């Protein structure tokens, strides 16, 4: 995955026990946003101003996101914010709040600003070094939990682990399982390591810098391999919504038709999976037919394709012959 250097844009600071990303130049851009630096601003007024600024940037859930940003900056839950609309904000905190509102209005994902995203009932720390976990990827975890045994040890691999959300969610549910999580990015592996420690599964997780299986012993095999690989066609990257364009390009771009990494995965995975084991991976809109034609029927049995919440085919399951 591609690392992003935020040194020139932001710095990590601490306020009232909260660690947050503060953009020191955001104050220069408040004009025209409906935000102000006046003193004596209450939670209610700050939220109203922020909601207007975010709505003006075409964010559909402007009020909700404004509340999330203020909750993050104050290091308080949303109940505190909702229950104390007349609470006057400290001027320094107000500046920090307006700074993150400007960043969000410019299109920076909420998850990168707050540093968190929920996935499969767990809270994951995220940075611009990793793809933001998405609800549709939970289907991979659901399939893995159906395929892996609950009453005996098992081993699986997560190819392109990023934040570690797939591997860690599976390990959190299956206490007898062990995993090798692979990524080409050391920065991404550091994020995954922190999340594994946070959720108490680090002792069953091996984190490995590797281009697919290149760093894994030739005779090492798994019961299951899961992956959320890059699958966006290179030509479509610039037309993605602005938030997605903040994410690491190498975690998104999959070549001219989006299938470069998936082709390698389907070609190399049979040697890494035990007979009767499975490969479960995510793919993009309109790619199902292409993938069905790519399956080597001498190596794989096609099991199923599962749809996401929008009824779009999203997850493919193959069985090793």
Protein backbone atom coordinates (compact mmCIF):
# COMPACT_ATOMS: atom_id res chain seq x y z
CA UNK A 1 0.00 0.00 0.00
CA UNK A 2 1.03 3.57 -0.60
CA UNK A 3 2.19 5.62 2.38
CA UNK A 4 1.08 9.21 2.71
CA UNK A 5 3.20 11.89 4.35
CA UNK A 6 1.04 14.30 6.33
CA UNK A 7 3.95 16.20 7.89
CA UNK A 8 3.34 19.32 5.87
CA UNK A 9 -0.41 19.27 6.42
CA UNK A 10 -0.99 18.27 9.98
CA UNK A 11 0.51 17.41 13.30
CA UNK A 12 -0.54 15.19 16.19
CA UNK A 13 -1.32 17.14 19.35
CA UNK A 14 -2.94 16.38 22.68
CA UNK A 15 -5.84 18.23 24.24
CA UNK A 16 -7.68 17.20 27.40
CA UNK A 17 -6.25 13.71 27.10
CA UNK A 18 -7.33 13.28 23.47
CA UNK A 19 -4.83 12.59 20.73
CA UNK A 20 -5.92 14.23 17.51
CA UNK A 21 -4.72 15.44 14.17
CA UNK A 22 -4.70 19.22 14.02
CA UNK A 23 -4.19 21.18 10.82
CA UNK A 24 -2.32 24.37 11.80
CA UNK A 25 -3.21 26.07 8.54
CA UNK A 26 -6.95 25.41 8.64
CA UNK A 27 -7.64 28.72 10.40
CA UNK A 28 -6.51 30.49 7.22
CA UNK A 29 -9.37 28.87 5.31
CA UNK A 30 -12.30 29.61 7.61
CA UNK A 31 -13.53 32.56 5.57
CA UNK A 32 -16.45 31.55 3.41
CA UNK A 33 -17.22 28.41 5.40
CA UNK A 34 -19.67 29.93 7.86
CA UNK A 35 -17.26 29.27 10.72
CA UNK A 36 -15.86 31.94 12.98
CA UNK A 37 -13.22 32.29 15.67
CA UNK A 38 -15.32 34.33 18.08
CA UNK A 39 -15.26 33.44 21.78
CA UNK A 40 -18.17 32.25 23.89
CA UNK A 41 -19.35 29.75 21.27
CA UNK A 42 -21.60 26.99 22.63
CA UNK A 43 -21.78 23.39 21.50
CA UNK A 44 -25.12 24.14 19.88
CA UNK A 45 -23.75 27.09 17.90
CA UNK A 46 -20.55 25.32 16.93
CA UNK A 47 -22.51 22.33 15.64
CA UNK A 48 -24.87 24.58 13.69
CA UNK A 49 -21.97 26.40 12.02
CA UNK A 50 -20.16 23.14 11.27
CA UNK A 51 -23.29 21.50 9.89
CA UNK A 52 -23.75 24.42 7.52
CA UNK A 53 -20.14 24.26 6.38
CA UNK A 54 -20.32 20.50 5.76
CA UNK A 55 -23.71 20.68 4.06
CA UNK A 56 -22.24 23.33 1.76
CA UNK A 57 -19.67 20.73 0.71
CA UNK A 58 -22.45 18.31 -0.33
CA UNK A 59 -22.08 15.95 2.63
CA UNK A 60 -25.38 14.13 3.05
CA UNK A 61 -25.07 13.52 6.81
CA UNK A 62 -23.60 16.88 7.73
CA UNK A 63 -25.18 17.10 11.19
CA UNK A 64 -24.14 13.58 12.14
CA UNK A 65 -20.58 14.12 10.94
CA UNK A 66 -20.33 17.47 12.72
CA UNK A 67 -21.30 15.71 15.94
CA UNK A 68 -18.76 12.96 15.34
CA UNK A 69 -15.99 15.50 14.77
CA UNK A 70 -16.86 17.48 17.90
CA UNK A 71 -17.08 14.30 19.95
CA UNK A 72 -13.62 13.36 18.69
CA UNK A 73 -12.06 16.75 19.42
CA UNK A 74 -13.63 16.97 22.90
CA UNK A 75 -12.80 13.34 23.70
CA UNK A 76 -16.41 12.92 24.82
CA UNK A 77 -19.18 10.63 23.68
CA UNK A 78 -22.14 11.93 21.70
CA UNK A 79 -24.39 11.74 24.76
CA UNK A 80 -22.34 14.48 26.43
CA UNK A 81 -22.64 16.70 23.38
CA UNK A 82 -26.37 16.17 22.98
CA UNK A 83 -27.06 16.73 26.67
CA UNK A 84 -25.09 20.00 26.97
CA UNK A 85 -25.96 22.26 24.03
CA UNK A 86 -25.24 25.43 26.06
CA UNK A 87 -21.75 24.31 27.12
CA UNK A 88 -19.24 26.97 26.05
CA UNK A 89 -16.27 25.61 24.15
CA UNK A 90 -12.73 26.50 25.10
CA UNK A 91 -11.31 28.81 22.37
CA UNK A 92 -8.39 26.48 21.65
CA UNK A 93 -10.73 23.52 21.33
CA UNK A 94 -12.99 25.55 19.05
CA UNK A 95 -10.05 26.25 16.73
CA UNK A 96 -9.22 22.55 16.62
CA UNK A 97 -12.84 21.67 15.90
CA UNK A 98 -13.04 24.16 13.07
CA UNK A 99 -9.75 22.83 11.72
CA UNK A 100 -11.11 19.30 11.38
CA UNK A 101 -14.38 20.61 9.94
CA UNK A 102 -12.41 22.36 7.20
CA UNK A 103 -10.53 19.13 6.49
CA UNK A 104 -13.76 17.14 6.26
CA UNK A 105 -15.40 19.79 4.08
CA UNK A 106 -12.43 19.49 1.72
CA UNK A 107 -13.18 15.77 1.32
CA UNK A 108 -10.78 14.11 3.76
CA UNK A 109 -12.53 10.99 5.09
CA UNK A 110 -13.99 11.22 8.58
CA UNK A 111 -12.19 8.00 9.50
CA UNK A 112 -8.76 9.46 8.75
CA UNK A 113 -9.56 12.54 10.82
CA UNK A 114 -10.80 10.60 13.85
CA UNK A 115 -8.46 7.66 13.27
CA UNK A 116 -11.21 5.08 13.81
CA UNK A 117 -13.66 2.89 11.92
CA UNK A 118 -15.99 0.16 13.19
CA UNK A 119 -15.86 -3.19 11.43
CA UNK A 120 -17.59 -6.42 12.44
CA UNK A 121 -18.48 -4.95 15.85
CA UNK A 122 -14.86 -3.98 16.60
CA UNK A 123 -13.22 -0.56 16.60
CA UNK A 124 -10.21 -0.35 14.29
CA UNK A 125 -7.58 2.35 14.21
CA UNK A 126 -6.99 3.60 10.68
CA UNK A 127 -4.50 5.94 9.07
CA UNK A 128 -3.98 7.11 5.46
CA UNK A 129 -1.56 4.16 5.12
CA UNK A 130 -4.49 1.72 4.97
CA UNK A 131 -7.78 1.29 3.20
CA UNK A 132 -10.78 2.27 5.32
CA UNK A 133 -12.71 -0.90 6.32
CA UNK A 134 -16.14 -1.06 4.68
CA UNK A 135 -19.34 -2.90 5.61
CA UNK A 136 -19.39 -4.95 2.38
CA UNK A 137 -16.08 -6.56 3.34
CA UNK A 138 -17.74 -8.08 6.41
CA UNK A 139 -19.10 -10.75 4.06
CA UNK A 140 -15.56 -12.18 3.81
CA UNK A 141 -15.49 -12.58 7.59
CA UNK A 142 -18.93 -14.19 7.59
CA UNK A 143 -17.88 -16.74 4.98
CA UNK A 144 -14.63 -17.46 6.83
CA UNK A 145 -16.54 -18.15 10.04
CA UNK A 146 -18.74 -20.63 8.16
CA UNK A 147 -15.77 -22.44 6.62
CA UNK A 148 -13.23 -22.61 9.44
CA UNK A 149 -13.76 -25.10 12.29
CA UNK A 150 -14.76 -23.79 15.67
CA UNK A 151 -13.72 -26.82 17.72
CA UNK A 152 -10.18 -27.43 16.48
CA UNK A 153 -7.11 -25.43 15.40
CA UNK A 154 -6.96 -23.91 11.93
CA UNK A 155 -4.62 -21.66 9.96
CA UNK A 156 -5.54 -19.03 7.41
CA UNK A 157 -3.85 -16.20 5.54
CA UNK A 158 -5.03 -12.66 4.91
CA UNK A 159 -3.46 -11.27 1.71
CA UNK A 160 -3.24 -7.47 1.68
CA UNK A 161 -4.23 -7.12 5.31
CA UNK A 162 -4.11 -3.31 5.55
CA UNK A 163 -5.63 -2.37 8.90
CA UNK A 164 -5.92 -6.07 9.74
CA UNK A 165 -9.71 -5.87 9.91
CA UNK A 166 -10.34 -9.23 8.19
CA UNK A 167 -7.70 -11.24 10.04
CA UNK A 168 -8.40 -9.71 13.44
CA UNK A 169 -12.18 -10.05 13.16
CA UNK A 170 -11.85 -13.74 12.31
CA UNK A 171 -9.32 -14.38 15.08
CA UNK A 172 -11.53 -12.52 17.55
CA UNK A 173 -14.38 -14.93 16.79
CA UNK A 174 -12.36 -18.14 16.47
CA UNK A 175 -10.04 -18.61 19.45
CA UNK A 176 -8.50 -21.79 17.97
CA UNK A 177 -7.46 -20.09 14.73
CA UNK A 178 -4.07 -18.66 13.78
CA UNK A 179 -3.32 -16.32 10.89
CA UNK A 180 -0.50 -15.07 8.67
CA UNK A 181 -1.38 -11.51 7.58
CA UNK A 182 0.49 -10.26 4.52
CA UNK A 183 1.05 -6.79 3.13
CA UNK A 184 3.68 -5.11 0.96
CA UNK A 185 3.53 -1.97 3.13
CA UNK A 186 5.47 -1.84 6.43
CA UNK A 187 3.34 1.14 7.46
CA UNK A 188 0.16 -0.86 6.95
CA UNK A 189 1.57 -3.77 8.94
CA UNK A 190 2.29 -1.39 11.82
CA UNK A 191 -1.36 -0.32 11.81
CA UNK A 192 -2.47 -3.96 11.77
CA UNK A 193 -0.09 -4.76 14.63
CA UNK A 194 -1.59 -2.02 16.77
CA UNK A 195 -5.12 -3.25 16.07
CA UNK A 196 -4.15 -6.85 16.86
CA UNK A 197 -2.75 -5.73 20.19
CA UNK A 198 -5.85 -3.64 20.86
CA UNK A 199 -8.12 -6.65 20.37
CA UNK A 200 -5.94 -9.23 22.10
CA UNK A 201 -5.10 -11.48 19.15
CA UNK A 202 -1.47 -10.55 18.51
CA UNK A 203 -0.23 -13.86 19.95
CA UNK A 204 -2.08 -15.76 17.17
CA UNK A 205 -1.19 -13.40 14.32
CA UNK A 206 2.01 -13.37 12.26
CA UNK A 207 2.49 -10.14 10.31
CA UNK A 208 4.63 -10.55 7.22
CA UNK A 209 5.89 -8.06 4.65
CA UNK A 210 5.40 -9.89 1.37
CA UNK A 211 4.25 -9.45 -2.21
CA UNK A 212 1.46 -12.02 -2.12
CA UNK A 213 3.19 -15.30 -1.14
CA UNK A 214 6.78 -14.42 -2.04
CA UNK A 215 8.00 -14.36 1.58
CA UNK A 216 6.15 -17.54 2.64
CA UNK A 217 7.88 -20.91 2.66
CA UNK A 218 7.20 -22.90 -0.49
CA UNK A 219 5.63 -25.81 1.41
CA UNK A 220 3.45 -23.72 3.75
CA UNK A 221 -0.28 -24.25 3.26
CA UNK A 222 -3.46 -22.90 4.82
CA UNK A 223 -7.02 -24.03 5.42
CA UNK A 224 -8.29 -20.74 4.02
CA UNK A 225 -7.02 -17.60 2.30
CA UNK A 226 -9.00 -14.36 2.48
CA UNK A 227 -8.28 -11.16 0.61
CA UNK A 228 -9.68 -7.74 -0.19
CA UNK A 229 -7.30 -7.02 -3.08
CA UNK A 230 -7.04 -3.91 -5.28
CA UNK A 231 -9.71 -4.24 -7.98
CA UNK A 232 -10.45 -0.74 -9.31
CA UNK A 233 -9.42 -0.31 -12.98
CA UNK A 234 -6.60 2.22 -13.23
CA UNK A 235 -8.65 4.42 -15.53
CA UNK A 236 -11.44 4.71 -12.96
CA UNK A 237 -9.31 5.96 -10.05
CA UNK A 238 -9.61 9.65 -10.85
CA UNK A 239 -13.40 9.41 -11.15
CA UNK A 240 -13.90 7.85 -7.70
CA UNK A 241 -15.63 9.96 -5.07
CA UNK A 242 -13.28 12.46 -3.47
CA UNK A 243 -13.07 10.62 -0.14
CA UNK A 244 -11.84 7.43 -1.80
CA UNK A 245 -9.08 9.34 -3.56
CA UNK A 246 -7.50 10.01 -0.15
CA UNK A 247 -6.96 6.27 0.31
CA UNK A 248 -3.72 4.53 -0.72
CA UNK A 249 -3.74 4.14 -4.48
CA UNK A 250 -1.92 0.82 -4.38
CA UNK A 251 -4.75 -0.61 -2.26
CA UNK A 252 -7.27 0.43 -4.92
CA UNK A 253 -5.71 0.25 -8.40
CA UNK A 254 -5.81 -3.21 -9.94
CA UNK A 255 -4.45 -2.63 -13.43
CA UNK A 256 -6.20 -1.87 -16.71
CA UNK A 257 -9.26 -4.02 -15.94
CA UNK A 258 -8.84 -4.07 -12.16
CA UNK A 259 -7.99 -7.77 -12.04
CA UNK A 260 -4.17 -7.87 -12.07
CA UNK A 261 -3.81 -8.84 -8.41
CA UNK A 262 -6.82 -11.15 -8.45
CA UNK A 263 -5.35 -13.03 -11.43
CA UNK A 264 -2.14 -13.59 -9.48
CA UNK A 265 -4.09 -14.60 -6.41
CA UNK A 266 -6.14 -17.18 -8.31
CA UNK A 267 -3.01 -18.50 -10.02
CA UNK A 268 -0.72 -18.69 -6.97
CA UNK A 269 -3.17 -19.59 -4.20
CA UNK A 270 -3.78 -23.27 -5.15
CA UNK A 271 -0.25 -24.18 -4.07
CA UNK A 272 -0.89 -22.46 -0.74
CA UNK A 273 -4.24 -24.03 0.17
CA UNK A 274 -4.82 -27.57 1.35
CA UNK A 275 -7.11 -29.78 -0.71
CA UNK A 276 -10.67 -28.91 0.27
CA UNK A 277 -9.58 -25.50 1.56
CA UNK A 278 -10.97 -22.23 0.26
CA UNK A 279 -10.11 -18.87 -1.27
CA UNK A 280 -12.50 -16.02 -0.39
CA UNK A 281 -12.00 -12.60 -1.93
CA UNK A 282 -13.77 -9.36 -2.74
CA UNK A 283 -14.18 -7.96 -6.25
CA UNK A 284 -15.72 -4.95 -7.96
CA UNK A 285 -18.89 -3.99 -9.76
CA UNK A 286 -19.31 -5.74 -13.11
CA UNK A 287 -16.34 -8.10 -12.65
CA UNK A 288 -18.16 -11.33 -11.80
CA UNK A 289 -18.43 -12.69 -15.36
CA UNK A 290 -14.78 -11.92 -16.09
CA UNK A 291 -13.74 -13.74 -12.92
CA UNK A 292 -15.87 -16.79 -13.69
CA UNK A 293 -14.04 -17.07 -17.00
CA UNK A 294 -10.66 -16.81 -15.25
CA UNK A 295 -11.23 -19.76 -12.92
CA UNK A 296 -8.88 -22.66 -13.60
CA UNK A 297 -11.32 -25.55 -13.27
CA UNK A 298 -8.47 -28.02 -12.82
CA UNK A 299 -7.47 -26.25 -9.60
CA UNK A 300 -10.73 -24.78 -8.28
CA UNK A 301 -14.34 -25.64 -7.66
CA UNK A 302 -16.53 -22.56 -7.88
CA UNK A 303 -18.70 -22.50 -4.76
CA UNK A 304 -20.63 -19.24 -4.82
CA UNK A 305 -20.74 -15.48 -5.25
CA UNK A 306 -22.31 -13.44 -2.48
CA UNK A 307 -23.98 -10.07 -2.91
CA UNK A 308 -23.44 -7.02 -0.75
CA UNK A 309 -26.20 -5.01 0.93
CA UNK A 310 -26.95 -3.24 -2.38
CA UNK A 311 -27.47 -6.66 -4.05
CA UNK A 312 -24.23 -6.25 -6.03
CA UNK A 313 -22.10 -9.40 -6.48
CA UNK A 314 -19.10 -8.72 -4.22
CA UNK A 315 -17.51 -11.83 -2.67
CA UNK A 316 -16.34 -14.98 -4.46
CA UNK A 317 -15.74 -18.35 -2.81
CA UNK A 318 -13.54 -21.00 -4.46
CA UNK A 319 -12.62 -24.46 -3.18
CA UNK A 320 -9.22 -26.02 -3.79
CA UNK A 321 -9.53 -29.35 -5.64
